[in-house]
């Protein structure tokens, strides 16, 4: 692999993430770190993905409460928050691809196997 050797792990969770984004961080980060995909240099990009997930969750809840169709001074129309949802889903898909999140994205990610430091020499 022709990649710089950045420090392992993602570092501390950024303070600017809301609670839902932090929950998503703790859900996804361990697996990405374990397979060697997420490095310290990726912290802010990964944080952006987690915050995007949080925003999407909040916006979909708003649509659930308000309904898909809303009244405006011009009549009925699709909920305007769908513009934000579509932009956020596009952003999430782009970032997910960089971290190998999703079946087809995972197939394009190549990671070097970690050195086996266990005492189980027969399993190496």
Protein backbone atom coordinates (compact mmCIF):
# COMPACT_ATOMS: atom_id res chain seq x y z
CA UNK A 1 0.00 0.00 0.00
CA UNK A 2 1.37 3.39 -0.95
CA UNK A 3 -0.05 5.44 1.89
CA UNK A 4 1.69 7.70 4.42
CA UNK A 5 1.92 6.18 7.86
CA UNK A 6 -0.42 8.42 9.86
CA UNK A 7 -1.05 7.77 13.55
CA UNK A 8 -3.69 5.14 14.35
CA UNK A 9 -7.09 6.08 15.72
CA UNK A 10 -9.24 9.14 15.27
CA UNK A 11 -8.32 11.01 18.42
CA UNK A 12 -10.83 12.74 20.64
CA UNK A 13 -14.43 13.28 19.61
CA UNK A 14 -14.78 16.93 18.53
CA UNK A 15 -16.68 19.14 20.96
CA UNK A 16 -18.74 20.65 18.16
CA UNK A 17 -20.58 17.39 17.45
CA UNK A 18 -24.09 17.16 18.87
CA UNK A 19 -25.11 14.20 21.05
CA UNK A 20 -26.54 12.12 18.19
CA UNK A 21 -23.36 12.65 16.13
CA UNK A 22 -21.22 11.61 19.09
CA UNK A 23 -23.32 8.45 19.45
CA UNK A 24 -22.71 7.69 15.78
CA UNK A 25 -18.96 8.33 16.28
CA UNK A 26 -18.80 5.73 19.05
CA UNK A 27 -20.85 3.29 16.98
CA UNK A 28 -18.73 3.45 13.81
CA UNK A 29 -15.23 4.51 14.86
CA UNK A 30 -14.08 1.29 16.58
CA UNK A 31 -14.65 -0.87 13.50
CA UNK A 32 -12.99 1.60 11.13
CA UNK A 33 -10.01 1.95 13.45
CA UNK A 34 -9.72 -1.81 13.94
CA UNK A 35 -9.36 -2.50 10.23
CA UNK A 36 -6.94 0.40 9.79
CA UNK A 37 -9.13 2.64 7.65
CA UNK A 38 -9.62 5.57 10.04
CA UNK A 39 -6.50 7.48 11.03
CA UNK A 40 -5.90 10.59 13.12
CA UNK A 41 -5.70 12.71 9.98
CA UNK A 42 -9.29 11.66 9.11
CA UNK A 43 -10.79 12.99 12.34
CA UNK A 44 -12.57 16.05 10.95
CA UNK A 45 -13.83 14.26 7.85
CA UNK A 46 -15.22 11.46 9.98
CA UNK A 47 -16.74 14.00 12.38
CA UNK A 48 -18.44 15.66 9.42
CA UNK A 49 -19.95 12.32 8.44
CA UNK A 50 -21.24 11.72 11.96
CA UNK A 51 -22.77 15.21 12.13
CA UNK A 52 -24.37 14.67 8.72
CA UNK A 53 -25.98 11.47 10.00
CA UNK A 54 -27.29 13.40 12.99
CA UNK A 55 -28.69 16.18 10.81
CA UNK A 56 -30.41 13.64 8.57
CA UNK A 57 -31.98 11.93 11.56
CA UNK A 58 -33.32 15.25 12.85
CA UNK A 59 -34.60 16.32 9.43
CA UNK A 60 -36.33 13.00 8.74
CA UNK A 61 -38.01 13.29 12.14
CA UNK A 62 -39.23 16.75 11.12
CA UNK A 63 -40.73 15.30 7.93
CA UNK A 64 -42.35 12.53 9.98
CA UNK A 65 -43.97 15.17 12.21
CA UNK A 66 -44.93 17.63 9.45
CA UNK A 67 -45.64 15.16 6.65
CA UNK A 68 -44.12 14.89 3.17
CA UNK A 69 -46.44 17.53 1.78
CA UNK A 70 -46.81 20.95 3.40
CA UNK A 71 -49.03 23.93 2.77
CA UNK A 72 -47.51 27.17 1.54
CA UNK A 73 -48.97 30.46 0.34
CA UNK A 74 -48.88 28.95 -3.19
CA UNK A 75 -50.62 25.71 -2.24
CA UNK A 76 -49.24 22.31 -1.35
CA UNK A 77 -45.67 21.26 -2.05
CA UNK A 78 -43.02 18.79 -0.96
CA UNK A 79 -41.53 19.56 2.41
CA UNK A 80 -38.75 22.13 1.81
CA UNK A 81 -36.41 20.29 4.16
CA UNK A 82 -35.99 17.66 1.41
CA UNK A 83 -33.51 20.04 -0.23
CA UNK A 84 -31.28 19.77 2.85
CA UNK A 85 -31.86 16.03 3.10
CA UNK A 86 -30.80 15.47 -0.53
CA UNK A 87 -27.66 17.58 -0.10
CA UNK A 88 -26.74 15.81 3.14
CA UNK A 89 -27.32 12.35 1.65
CA UNK A 90 -25.03 13.24 -1.27
CA UNK A 91 -22.36 14.49 1.15
CA UNK A 92 -22.72 11.37 3.31
CA UNK A 93 -22.36 9.04 0.31
CA UNK A 94 -19.14 10.78 -0.76
CA UNK A 95 -17.63 10.55 2.70
CA UNK A 96 -18.84 6.98 3.20
CA UNK A 97 -17.01 5.99 0.03
CA UNK A 98 -13.75 7.26 1.48
CA UNK A 99 -14.20 5.13 4.59
CA UNK A 100 -15.48 2.04 2.78
CA UNK A 101 -18.93 2.27 4.33
CA UNK A 102 -21.47 0.41 2.22
CA UNK A 103 -21.16 -2.89 0.37
CA UNK A 104 -19.82 -1.61 -2.94
CA UNK A 105 -17.54 0.92 -1.22
CA UNK A 106 -16.08 -1.81 1.00
CA UNK A 107 -15.05 -3.82 -2.04
CA UNK A 108 -12.87 -0.92 -3.23
CA UNK A 109 -11.02 -0.43 0.05
CA UNK A 110 -7.68 -2.17 0.45
CA UNK A 111 -6.06 -2.35 3.86
CA UNK A 112 -2.85 -4.03 4.90
CA UNK A 113 -3.34 -6.81 7.44
CA UNK A 114 -2.23 -5.83 10.92
CA UNK A 115 0.71 -7.64 12.42
CA UNK A 116 -0.34 -10.50 14.68
CA UNK A 117 0.91 -9.75 18.16
CA UNK A 118 -0.87 -12.63 19.84
CA UNK A 119 0.89 -15.51 21.52
CA UNK A 120 -1.12 -17.94 19.41
CA UNK A 121 1.63 -18.65 16.91
CA UNK A 122 -0.28 -21.63 15.51
CA UNK A 123 -3.10 -19.32 14.34
CA UNK A 124 -0.85 -16.98 12.35
